[in-house]
Amino acid sequence: MEQKRKLFIDYDQTICESIVAITSMYNIDYCDKVGFTMANPYLVNDWNFKDQCTLSNKKKIDSYFNSKRFFNSVNFIENAKEIIDKLSETFDIYIVSMGGFRNLHLKKRWCKENLPYAKFIGCNFMFHKDKRDVPMGINDIFIDDCFKNLINSSCGNRLLYGDIYSWNQDNEKYGYGVFKRLWNWTEVYDYLMN
């Protein structure tokens, strides 16, 4: 029996709408505060959310990421679940994510419930600056929305996922893409299967 290739996929903003979940929580919690302006998830361009969640701070945003409330409300990006399910027939799926202890524990549980065939690899911020220590081979595929994670990885096939943000804009900085950017999960499926 032929061994499947490994497909490593990031969690936040690659398979899940983390920005939508965080801004929704912020809008609920701060809507009655003086100076509140509704946070628009489609205008967030800073991973600390200071550009949209103006009444909050990094500590509060981190508390959202570490809460059961976040994991109870976060949704898959459009078509991600269905396509990852299909891809699991061809690839061994690994969800690899950065976070603190609690965030990674809750992500692992979420993945077990929602993608039971996937293996979870957590990279704790206390010990890792990026995902370079995740053992990936020359024939493996790695999909992430963060340029730093891709550029420092030893993976043979690295793909940048999703819209342009401050954390991945360097990909097009010089007028060409360092990594192929796939804008949605339909493109991911077509690219990987053809």
N, C-alpha and C. Protein backbone atom coordinates (compact mmCIF):
# COMPACT_ATOMS: atom_id res chain seq x y z
N MET A 1 0.84 -1.19 0.00
CA MET A 1 0.00 0.00 0.00
C MET A 1 0.88 1.25 0.00
N GLU A 2 0.56 2.17 -0.89
CA GLU A 2 1.34 3.39 -1.02
C GLU A 2 1.08 4.33 0.15
N GLN A 3 2.16 4.90 0.68
CA GLN A 3 2.04 5.83 1.81
C GLN A 3 1.53 7.18 1.31
N LYS A 4 0.61 7.77 2.05
CA LYS A 4 0.06 9.08 1.69
C LYS A 4 1.10 10.18 1.94
N ARG A 5 1.02 11.23 1.15
CA ARG A 5 1.84 12.42 1.41
C ARG A 5 1.24 13.15 2.60
N LYS A 6 2.07 13.93 3.27
CA LYS A 6 1.62 14.71 4.43
C LYS A 6 1.23 16.11 3.99
N LEU A 7 0.08 16.55 4.49
CA LEU A 7 -0.41 17.91 4.25
C LEU A 7 -0.54 18.61 5.59
N PHE A 8 0.27 19.64 5.80
CA PHE A 8 0.27 20.43 7.03
C PHE A 8 -0.54 21.69 6.77
N ILE A 9 -1.52 21.97 7.64
CA ILE A 9 -2.40 23.12 7.44
C ILE A 9 -2.46 23.95 8.72
N ASP A 10 -2.31 25.23 8.58
CA ASP A 10 -2.45 26.17 9.69
C ASP A 10 -3.92 26.24 10.13
N TYR A 11 -4.15 26.72 11.35
CA TYR A 11 -5.50 26.82 11.91
C TYR A 11 -6.11 28.21 11.70
N ASP A 12 -5.57 29.23 12.40
CA ASP A 12 -6.16 30.57 12.38
C ASP A 12 -6.04 31.22 11.01
N GLN A 13 -7.16 31.64 10.46
CA GLN A 13 -7.27 32.32 9.17
C GLN A 13 -6.86 31.46 7.98
N THR A 14 -6.66 30.17 8.21
CA THR A 14 -6.41 29.26 7.11
C THR A 14 -7.55 28.24 7.02
N ILE A 15 -7.90 27.63 8.15
CA ILE A 15 -9.10 26.78 8.13
C ILE A 15 -10.26 27.42 8.89
N CYS A 16 -9.96 28.32 9.81
CA CYS A 16 -11.01 28.92 10.64
C CYS A 16 -11.03 30.44 10.54
N GLU A 17 -12.21 30.99 10.65
CA GLU A 17 -12.42 32.45 10.60
C GLU A 17 -12.16 33.06 11.97
N SER A 18 -10.93 33.03 12.40
CA SER A 18 -10.57 33.52 13.73
C SER A 18 -10.83 35.01 13.88
N ILE A 19 -10.55 35.79 12.84
CA ILE A 19 -10.76 37.24 12.91
C ILE A 19 -12.25 37.55 13.10
N VAL A 20 -13.10 36.86 12.39
CA VAL A 20 -14.55 37.07 12.54
C VAL A 20 -14.98 36.74 13.97
N ALA A 21 -14.48 35.64 14.52
CA ALA A 21 -14.85 35.25 15.89
C ALA A 21 -14.40 36.30 16.91
N ILE A 22 -13.17 36.77 16.78
CA ILE A 22 -12.62 37.75 17.74
C ILE A 22 -13.38 39.07 17.65
N THR A 23 -13.59 39.58 16.44
CA THR A 23 -14.29 40.86 16.31
C THR A 23 -15.74 40.76 16.77
N SER A 24 -16.37 39.62 16.57
CA SER A 24 -17.74 39.42 17.06
C SER A 24 -17.80 39.46 18.58
N MET A 25 -16.84 38.81 19.21
CA MET A 25 -16.78 38.82 20.68
C MET A 25 -16.55 40.25 21.18
N TYR A 26 -15.63 40.95 20.53
CA TYR A 26 -15.35 42.34 20.90
C TYR A 26 -16.61 43.20 20.75
N ASN A 27 -17.30 43.09 19.63
CA ASN A 27 -18.50 43.90 19.39
C ASN A 27 -19.58 43.65 20.44
N ILE A 28 -19.72 42.41 20.86
CA ILE A 28 -20.70 42.08 21.91
C ILE A 28 -20.26 42.68 23.25
N ASP A 29 -18.99 42.53 23.59
CA ASP A 29 -18.50 42.96 24.90
C ASP A 29 -18.37 44.46 25.06
N TYR A 30 -18.15 45.19 23.97
CA TYR A 30 -17.85 46.62 24.07
C TYR A 30 -18.94 47.53 23.50
N CYS A 31 -20.02 46.96 22.97
CA CYS A 31 -21.02 47.77 22.26
C CYS A 31 -21.64 48.87 23.12
N ASP A 32 -21.68 48.71 24.44
CA ASP A 32 -22.28 49.73 25.29
C ASP A 32 -21.26 50.66 25.95
N LYS A 33 -20.00 50.57 25.51
CA LYS A 33 -18.93 51.40 26.08
C LYS A 33 -18.83 52.73 25.31
N VAL A 34 -18.45 53.79 26.03
CA VAL A 34 -18.25 55.10 25.42
C VAL A 34 -17.12 55.03 24.39
N GLY A 35 -17.36 55.57 23.22
CA GLY A 35 -16.35 55.59 22.16
C GLY A 35 -16.33 54.34 21.30
N PHE A 36 -17.29 53.45 21.52
CA PHE A 36 -17.33 52.20 20.74
C PHE A 36 -17.62 52.46 19.27
N THR A 37 -16.86 51.81 18.43
CA THR A 37 -17.12 51.74 17.00
C THR A 37 -17.08 50.26 16.63
N MET A 38 -18.07 49.81 15.89
CA MET A 38 -18.15 48.40 15.53
C MET A 38 -16.89 47.95 14.79
N ALA A 39 -16.29 46.86 15.24
CA ALA A 39 -15.12 46.29 14.59
C ALA A 39 -15.55 45.53 13.35
N ASN A 40 -14.91 45.83 12.25
CA ASN A 40 -15.20 45.17 10.98
C ASN A 40 -14.12 44.12 10.72
N PRO A 41 -14.48 42.84 10.72
CA PRO A 41 -13.46 41.80 10.54
C PRO A 41 -12.73 41.90 9.20
N TYR A 42 -13.35 42.49 8.20
CA TYR A 42 -12.74 42.57 6.88
C TYR A 42 -11.76 43.74 6.75
N LEU A 43 -11.65 44.55 7.82
CA LEU A 43 -10.68 45.66 7.83
C LEU A 43 -9.52 45.41 8.81
N VAL A 44 -9.55 44.28 9.51
CA VAL A 44 -8.46 43.96 10.44
C VAL A 44 -7.19 43.71 9.63
N ASN A 45 -6.10 44.35 10.04
CA ASN A 45 -4.82 44.12 9.38
C ASN A 45 -3.69 44.05 10.40
N ASP A 46 -4.03 43.77 11.63
CA ASP A 46 -3.05 43.69 12.71
C ASP A 46 -3.47 42.54 13.62
N TRP A 47 -2.57 41.60 13.87
CA TRP A 47 -2.95 40.40 14.63
C TRP A 47 -3.27 40.72 16.09
N ASN A 48 -2.95 41.93 16.56
CA ASN A 48 -3.36 42.36 17.90
C ASN A 48 -4.71 43.07 17.86
N PHE A 49 -5.27 43.25 16.66
CA PHE A 49 -6.61 43.81 16.44
C PHE A 49 -6.72 45.28 16.85
N LYS A 50 -5.60 45.96 17.06
CA LYS A 50 -5.66 47.35 17.53
C LYS A 50 -6.25 48.29 16.49
N ASP A 51 -6.26 47.87 15.23
CA ASP A 51 -6.82 48.73 14.18
C ASP A 51 -8.35 48.73 14.17
N GLN A 52 -9.00 47.68 14.71
CA GLN A 52 -10.46 47.61 14.72
C GLN A 52 -11.05 47.51 16.13
N CYS A 53 -10.40 46.80 17.00
CA CYS A 53 -10.89 46.65 18.39
C CYS A 53 -10.22 47.71 19.25
N THR A 54 -10.58 48.96 18.99
CA THR A 54 -9.85 50.11 19.52
C THR A 54 -9.98 50.30 21.03
N LEU A 55 -11.04 49.79 21.64
CA LEU A 55 -11.22 49.94 23.09
C LEU A 55 -10.58 48.81 23.87
N SER A 56 -10.08 47.83 23.17
CA SER A 56 -9.50 46.65 23.81
C SER A 56 -7.98 46.78 23.87
N ASN A 57 -7.32 45.71 24.31
CA ASN A 57 -5.86 45.68 24.35
C ASN A 57 -5.39 44.26 24.09
N LYS A 58 -4.09 44.07 23.96
CA LYS A 58 -3.53 42.77 23.63
C LYS A 58 -3.92 41.70 24.65
N LYS A 59 -3.92 42.07 25.93
CA LYS A 59 -4.26 41.10 26.97
C LYS A 59 -5.70 40.59 26.80
N LYS A 60 -6.62 41.49 26.49
CA LYS A 60 -8.02 41.09 26.30
C LYS A 60 -8.18 40.23 25.05
N ILE A 61 -7.51 40.61 23.96
CA ILE A 61 -7.57 39.82 22.72
C ILE A 61 -7.01 38.42 22.98
N ASP A 62 -5.88 38.34 23.69
CA ASP A 62 -5.32 37.04 24.04
C ASP A 62 -6.30 36.21 24.86
N SER A 63 -7.02 36.87 25.76
CA SER A 63 -8.00 36.13 26.58
C SER A 63 -9.11 35.55 25.71
N TYR A 64 -9.48 36.27 24.65
CA TYR A 64 -10.47 35.73 23.70
C TYR A 64 -9.94 34.46 23.05
N PHE A 65 -8.70 34.50 22.55
CA PHE A 65 -8.10 33.34 21.89
C PHE A 65 -7.98 32.14 22.83
N ASN A 66 -7.92 32.39 24.12
CA ASN A 66 -7.75 31.32 25.10
C ASN A 66 -9.04 30.91 25.78
N SER A 67 -10.18 31.31 25.21
CA SER A 67 -11.46 31.05 25.84
C SER A 67 -12.25 29.96 25.13
N LYS A 68 -13.02 29.22 25.89
CA LYS A 68 -13.94 28.23 25.30
C LYS A 68 -14.96 28.96 24.42
N ARG A 69 -15.28 30.16 24.79
CA ARG A 69 -16.23 30.96 24.02
C ARG A 69 -15.77 31.12 22.56
N PHE A 70 -14.48 31.37 22.37
CA PHE A 70 -13.93 31.48 21.02
C PHE A 70 -14.14 30.19 20.24
N PHE A 71 -13.80 29.07 20.85
CA PHE A 71 -13.89 27.78 20.16
C PHE A 71 -15.32 27.31 19.97
N ASN A 72 -16.24 27.83 20.78
CA ASN A 72 -17.66 27.52 20.59
C ASN A 72 -18.27 28.35 19.46
N SER A 73 -17.61 29.45 19.09
CA SER A 73 -18.19 30.34 18.09
C SER A 73 -17.44 30.39 16.77
N VAL A 74 -16.18 29.95 16.75
CA VAL A 74 -15.39 30.05 15.52
C VAL A 74 -15.93 29.09 14.46
N ASN A 75 -15.98 29.58 13.23
CA ASN A 75 -16.48 28.78 12.11
C ASN A 75 -15.36 28.46 11.13
N PHE A 76 -15.56 27.39 10.38
CA PHE A 76 -14.65 27.09 9.29
C PHE A 76 -14.74 28.19 8.23
N ILE A 77 -13.64 28.46 7.58
CA ILE A 77 -13.66 29.29 6.38
C ILE A 77 -14.48 28.55 5.33
N GLU A 78 -15.13 29.29 4.47
CA GLU A 78 -16.02 28.70 3.46
C GLU A 78 -15.32 27.56 2.70
N ASN A 79 -15.98 26.41 2.68
CA ASN A 79 -15.56 25.19 1.98
C ASN A 79 -14.37 24.47 2.62
N ALA A 80 -13.76 25.01 3.66
CA ALA A 80 -12.57 24.39 4.24
C ALA A 80 -12.85 22.98 4.76
N LYS A 81 -13.89 22.82 5.54
CA LYS A 81 -14.18 21.50 6.13
C LYS A 81 -14.42 20.46 5.05
N GLU A 82 -15.28 20.77 4.10
CA GLU A 82 -15.63 19.80 3.07
C GLU A 82 -14.40 19.43 2.23
N ILE A 83 -13.58 20.40 1.93
CA ILE A 83 -12.41 20.13 1.10
C ILE A 83 -11.33 19.40 1.88
N ILE A 84 -11.12 19.76 3.13
CA ILE A 84 -10.14 19.03 3.95
C ILE A 84 -10.61 17.59 4.13
N ASP A 85 -11.91 17.38 4.32
CA ASP A 85 -12.44 16.02 4.40
C ASP A 85 -12.09 15.23 3.13
N LYS A 86 -12.28 15.83 1.96
CA LYS A 86 -11.95 15.17 0.68
C LYS A 86 -10.45 14.93 0.57
N LEU A 87 -9.65 15.93 0.97
CA LEU A 87 -8.20 15.80 0.87
C LEU A 87 -7.66 14.70 1.78
N SER A 88 -8.38 14.41 2.86
CA SER A 88 -7.92 13.37 3.80
C SER A 88 -7.93 11.98 3.15
N GLU A 89 -8.61 11.83 2.03
CA GLU A 89 -8.59 10.56 1.31
C GLU A 89 -7.27 10.37 0.57
N THR A 90 -6.59 11.48 0.27
CA THR A 90 -5.35 11.46 -0.49
C THR A 90 -4.12 11.77 0.36
N PHE A 91 -4.30 12.58 1.40
CA PHE A 91 -3.19 13.05 2.23
C PHE A 91 -3.41 12.68 3.70
N ASP A 92 -2.30 12.53 4.43
CA ASP A 92 -2.35 12.51 5.90
C ASP A 92 -2.40 13.97 6.32
N ILE A 93 -3.45 14.34 7.07
CA ILE A 93 -3.68 15.74 7.43
C ILE A 93 -3.12 16.04 8.81
N TYR A 94 -2.36 17.13 8.89
CA TYR A 94 -1.81 17.64 10.15
C TYR A 94 -2.25 19.09 10.28
N ILE A 95 -2.88 19.43 11.40
CA ILE A 95 -3.18 20.83 11.70
C ILE A 95 -2.06 21.31 12.61
N VAL A 96 -1.37 22.35 12.17
CA VAL A 96 -0.22 22.86 12.93
C VAL A 96 -0.47 24.33 13.25
N SER A 97 -0.37 24.68 14.54
CA SER A 97 -0.77 26.02 14.96
C SER A 97 0.13 26.55 16.06
N MET A 98 0.24 27.88 16.08
CA MET A 98 0.95 28.60 17.14
C MET A 98 -0.06 29.00 18.21
N GLY A 99 0.39 29.08 19.47
CA GLY A 99 -0.48 29.54 20.54
C GLY A 99 0.16 29.32 21.90
N GLY A 100 -0.55 29.75 22.93
CA GLY A 100 -0.13 29.48 24.30
C GLY A 100 -0.68 28.14 24.74
N PHE A 101 -0.34 27.73 25.97
CA PHE A 101 -0.76 26.42 26.47
C PHE A 101 -2.26 26.20 26.35
N ARG A 102 -3.07 27.13 26.88
CA ARG A 102 -4.52 26.94 26.88
C ARG A 102 -5.09 26.96 25.46
N ASN A 103 -4.63 27.90 24.65
CA ASN A 103 -5.10 27.99 23.28
C ASN A 103 -4.83 26.69 22.53
N LEU A 104 -3.63 26.15 22.66
CA LEU A 104 -3.28 24.92 21.95
C LEU A 104 -4.07 23.73 22.47
N HIS A 105 -4.31 23.69 23.78
CA HIS A 105 -5.13 22.61 24.35
C HIS A 105 -6.55 22.65 23.77
N LEU A 106 -7.13 23.85 23.70
CA LEU A 106 -8.49 23.99 23.17
C LEU A 106 -8.53 23.75 21.66
N LYS A 107 -7.50 24.14 20.95
CA LYS A 107 -7.44 23.86 19.50
C LYS A 107 -7.37 22.36 19.25
N LYS A 108 -6.55 21.69 20.03
CA LYS A 108 -6.42 20.24 19.86
C LYS A 108 -7.77 19.56 20.06
N ARG A 109 -8.50 19.98 21.09
CA ARG A 109 -9.82 19.41 21.35
C ARG A 109 -10.79 19.74 20.20
N TRP A 110 -10.76 20.99 19.73
CA TRP A 110 -11.62 21.41 18.62
C TRP A 110 -11.33 20.57 17.39
N CYS A 111 -10.05 20.36 17.09
CA CYS A 111 -9.67 19.56 15.91
C CYS A 111 -10.13 18.12 16.05
N LYS A 112 -10.02 17.58 17.24
CA LYS A 112 -10.45 16.19 17.48
C LYS A 112 -11.95 16.05 17.22
N GLU A 113 -12.71 17.07 17.61
CA GLU A 113 -14.16 17.03 17.42
C GLU A 113 -14.58 17.30 15.98
N ASN A 114 -13.85 18.19 15.27
CA ASN A 114 -14.27 18.64 13.95
C ASN A 114 -13.52 18.00 12.78
N LEU A 115 -12.29 17.56 13.03
CA LEU A 115 -11.47 16.91 12.00
C LEU A 115 -10.81 15.69 12.65
N PRO A 116 -11.60 14.68 13.01
CA PRO A 116 -11.08 13.57 13.84
C PRO A 116 -9.94 12.78 13.20
N TYR A 117 -9.82 12.79 11.91
CA TYR A 117 -8.74 12.07 11.21
C TYR A 117 -7.42 12.85 11.24
N ALA A 118 -7.46 14.15 11.57
CA ALA A 118 -6.27 15.00 11.52
C ALA A 118 -5.44 14.85 12.80
N LYS A 119 -4.14 14.94 12.63
CA LYS A 119 -3.23 14.98 13.78
C LYS A 119 -2.97 16.45 14.08
N PHE A 120 -2.87 16.79 15.36
CA PHE A 120 -2.65 18.18 15.75
C PHE A 120 -1.22 18.37 16.25
N ILE A 121 -0.57 19.42 15.76
CA ILE A 121 0.78 19.79 16.22
C ILE A 121 0.71 21.23 16.72
N GLY A 122 0.96 21.43 18.00
CA GLY A 122 0.95 22.76 18.59
C GLY A 122 2.36 23.29 18.79
N CYS A 123 2.57 24.54 18.43
CA CYS A 123 3.86 25.22 18.63
C CYS A 123 3.63 26.33 19.66
N ASN A 124 4.11 26.10 20.86
CA ASN A 124 3.88 27.05 21.94
C ASN A 124 4.78 28.28 21.77
N PHE A 125 4.15 29.47 21.89
CA PHE A 125 4.88 30.73 21.76
C PHE A 125 6.09 30.82 22.69
N MET A 126 6.00 30.14 23.84
CA MET A 126 7.10 30.22 24.82
C MET A 126 8.36 29.54 24.31
N PHE A 127 8.20 28.59 23.39
CA PHE A 127 9.35 27.81 22.92
C PHE A 127 9.63 27.94 21.43
N HIS A 128 8.69 28.51 20.69
CA HIS A 128 8.83 28.58 19.23
C HIS A 128 8.47 29.98 18.72
N LYS A 129 9.30 30.53 17.84
CA LYS A 129 9.02 31.82 17.20
C LYS A 129 8.17 31.65 15.95
N ASP A 130 8.23 30.45 15.38
CA ASP A 130 7.48 30.13 14.18
C ASP A 130 7.37 28.61 14.12
N LYS A 131 7.12 28.06 12.94
CA LYS A 131 6.88 26.62 12.81
C LYS A 131 8.06 25.87 12.22
N ARG A 132 9.26 26.45 12.28
CA ARG A 132 10.44 25.83 11.68
C ARG A 132 10.81 24.49 12.31
N ASP A 133 10.41 24.26 13.58
CA ASP A 133 10.77 23.02 14.26
C ASP A 133 9.82 21.86 13.96
N VAL A 134 8.74 22.13 13.23
CA VAL A 134 7.82 21.06 12.85
C VAL A 134 8.50 20.22 11.77
N PRO A 135 8.66 18.92 12.01
CA PRO A 135 9.35 18.09 11.02
C PRO A 135 8.52 17.89 9.75
N MET A 136 8.94 18.57 8.69
CA MET A 136 8.28 18.46 7.39
C MET A 136 9.35 18.09 6.37
N GLY A 137 8.96 17.24 5.43
CA GLY A 137 9.90 16.75 4.44
C GLY A 137 9.79 17.44 3.09
N ILE A 138 10.66 17.05 2.20
CA ILE A 138 10.74 17.64 0.87
C ILE A 138 9.49 17.35 0.04
N ASN A 139 8.81 16.24 0.30
CA ASN A 139 7.61 15.89 -0.46
C ASN A 139 6.31 16.31 0.22
N ASP A 140 6.42 16.89 1.42
CA ASP A 140 5.24 17.32 2.15
C ASP A 140 4.74 18.67 1.62
N ILE A 141 3.52 19.02 2.01
CA ILE A 141 2.91 20.29 1.60
C ILE A 141 2.50 21.03 2.87
N PHE A 142 2.76 22.34 2.88
CA PHE A 142 2.47 23.18 4.04
C PHE A 142 1.67 24.39 3.57
N ILE A 143 0.49 24.59 4.14
CA ILE A 143 -0.38 25.73 3.81
C ILE A 143 -0.53 26.60 5.05
N ASP A 144 -0.20 27.88 4.93
CA ASP A 144 -0.29 28.80 6.06
C ASP A 144 -0.59 30.20 5.52
N ASP A 145 -1.20 31.03 6.36
CA ASP A 145 -1.45 32.42 5.95
C ASP A 145 -0.34 33.35 6.43
N CYS A 146 0.63 32.83 7.16
CA CYS A 146 1.71 33.65 7.73
C CYS A 146 3.01 33.43 6.96
N PHE A 147 3.51 34.49 6.34
CA PHE A 147 4.72 34.43 5.53
C PHE A 147 5.91 33.92 6.33
N LYS A 148 6.06 34.40 7.57
CA LYS A 148 7.20 34.01 8.42
C LYS A 148 7.23 32.51 8.66
N ASN A 149 6.06 31.92 8.88
CA ASN A 149 6.02 30.47 9.10
C ASN A 149 6.47 29.71 7.86
N LEU A 150 6.09 30.20 6.70
CA LEU A 150 6.46 29.52 5.45
C LEU A 150 7.94 29.71 5.12
N ILE A 151 8.42 30.94 5.23
CA ILE A 151 9.79 31.24 4.82
C ILE A 151 10.80 30.49 5.68
N ASN A 152 10.46 30.22 6.94
CA ASN A 152 11.38 29.55 7.86
C ASN A 152 11.18 28.03 7.93
N SER A 153 10.26 27.51 7.15
CA SER A 153 9.98 26.07 7.16
C SER A 153 10.89 25.33 6.19
N SER A 154 11.17 24.08 6.51
CA SER A 154 11.98 23.23 5.63
C SER A 154 11.11 22.42 4.68
N CYS A 155 9.82 22.63 4.71
CA CYS A 155 8.90 21.88 3.87
C CYS A 155 9.20 22.12 2.39
N GLY A 156 9.08 21.08 1.59
CA GLY A 156 9.38 21.18 0.18
C GLY A 156 8.37 21.95 -0.64
N ASN A 157 7.10 21.95 -0.22
CA ASN A 157 6.03 22.60 -0.98
C ASN A 157 5.24 23.51 -0.05
N ARG A 158 5.49 24.81 -0.17
CA ARG A 158 4.88 25.78 0.74
C ARG A 158 3.92 26.68 -0.03
N LEU A 159 2.69 26.79 0.49
CA LEU A 159 1.63 27.55 -0.16
C LEU A 159 1.09 28.60 0.80
N LEU A 160 0.92 29.81 0.32
CA LEU A 160 0.38 30.89 1.13
C LEU A 160 -1.13 30.93 0.93
N TYR A 161 -1.87 30.98 2.05
CA TYR A 161 -3.32 30.94 1.96
C TYR A 161 -3.94 32.32 2.24
N GLY A 162 -4.94 32.68 1.48
CA GLY A 162 -5.87 33.74 1.82
C GLY A 162 -5.47 35.14 1.42
N ASP A 163 -6.23 36.07 2.00
CA ASP A 163 -6.11 37.49 1.67
C ASP A 163 -4.78 38.08 2.15
N ILE A 164 -4.46 39.25 1.63
CA ILE A 164 -3.23 39.95 2.00
C ILE A 164 -3.45 40.69 3.33
N TYR A 165 -2.58 40.40 4.27
CA TYR A 165 -2.57 41.04 5.59
C TYR A 165 -1.15 41.48 5.89
N SER A 166 -0.99 42.23 6.98
CA SER A 166 0.34 42.69 7.37
C SER A 166 1.29 41.51 7.62
N TRP A 167 0.77 40.37 8.05
CA TRP A 167 1.61 39.23 8.37
C TRP A 167 1.96 38.37 7.15
N ASN A 168 1.47 38.75 5.97
CA ASN A 168 1.86 37.97 4.79
C ASN A 168 2.10 38.83 3.55
N GLN A 169 2.05 40.14 3.70
CA GLN A 169 2.19 41.03 2.54
C GLN A 169 3.59 40.99 1.92
N ASP A 170 4.59 40.53 2.68
CA ASP A 170 5.95 40.44 2.13
C ASP A 170 6.01 39.48 0.94
N ASN A 171 5.05 38.59 0.83
CA ASN A 171 5.05 37.64 -0.29
C ASN A 171 5.04 38.37 -1.64
N GLU A 172 4.33 39.48 -1.73
CA GLU A 172 4.23 40.24 -2.97
C GLU A 172 5.03 41.55 -2.95
N LYS A 173 5.85 41.72 -1.94
CA LYS A 173 6.54 42.98 -1.71
C LYS A 173 7.34 43.47 -2.92
N TYR A 174 7.97 42.57 -3.63
CA TYR A 174 8.83 42.96 -4.73
C TYR A 174 8.17 42.75 -6.10
N GLY A 175 6.85 42.64 -6.10
CA GLY A 175 6.12 42.53 -7.35
C GLY A 175 5.94 41.11 -7.85
N TYR A 176 6.40 40.15 -7.11
CA TYR A 176 6.19 38.75 -7.47
C TYR A 176 5.98 37.96 -6.19
N GLY A 177 5.35 36.83 -6.28
CA GLY A 177 5.10 36.02 -5.11
C GLY A 177 6.24 35.05 -4.82
N VAL A 178 6.74 35.07 -3.61
CA VAL A 178 7.73 34.10 -3.18
C VAL A 178 7.06 32.73 -3.16
N PHE A 179 5.85 32.67 -2.60
CA PHE A 179 5.07 31.44 -2.54
C PHE A 179 3.79 31.62 -3.35
N LYS A 180 3.31 30.54 -3.91
CA LYS A 180 2.03 30.60 -4.61
C LYS A 180 0.96 30.91 -3.59
N ARG A 181 0.14 31.93 -3.86
CA ARG A 181 -0.96 32.30 -2.97
C ARG A 181 -2.25 31.68 -3.51
N LEU A 182 -2.92 30.94 -2.64
CA LEU A 182 -4.22 30.37 -2.95
C LEU A 182 -5.25 31.14 -2.15
N TRP A 183 -6.23 31.71 -2.83
CA TRP A 183 -7.13 32.68 -2.22
C TRP A 183 -8.29 32.03 -1.48
N ASN A 184 -8.64 30.79 -1.80
CA ASN A 184 -9.79 30.13 -1.16
C ASN A 184 -9.59 28.62 -1.23
N TRP A 185 -10.49 27.89 -0.58
CA TRP A 185 -10.30 26.45 -0.49
C TRP A 185 -10.61 25.72 -1.79
N THR A 186 -11.41 26.29 -2.65
CA THR A 186 -11.63 25.69 -3.97
C THR A 186 -10.33 25.71 -4.76
N GLU A 187 -9.60 26.83 -4.69
CA GLU A 187 -8.29 26.92 -5.34
C GLU A 187 -7.30 25.92 -4.74
N VAL A 188 -7.36 25.76 -3.41
CA VAL A 188 -6.47 24.78 -2.76
C VAL A 188 -6.73 23.39 -3.32
N TYR A 189 -8.00 23.02 -3.37
CA TYR A 189 -8.34 21.68 -3.86
C TYR A 189 -7.88 21.49 -5.31
N ASP A 190 -8.20 22.44 -6.16
CA ASP A 190 -7.82 22.34 -7.58
C ASP A 190 -6.31 22.25 -7.73
N TYR A 191 -5.59 23.05 -6.98
CA TYR A 191 -4.12 23.05 -7.08
C TYR A 191 -3.53 21.71 -6.63
N LEU A 192 -4.01 21.21 -5.50
CA LEU A 192 -3.44 19.97 -4.94
C LEU A 192 -3.82 18.73 -5.73
N MET A 193 -4.98 18.76 -6.34
CA MET A 193 -5.47 17.55 -7.02
C MET A 193 -5.14 17.52 -8.51
N ASN A 194 -4.60 18.61 -9.05
CA ASN A 194 -4.25 18.63 -10.49
C ASN A 194 -2.76 18.77 -10.69
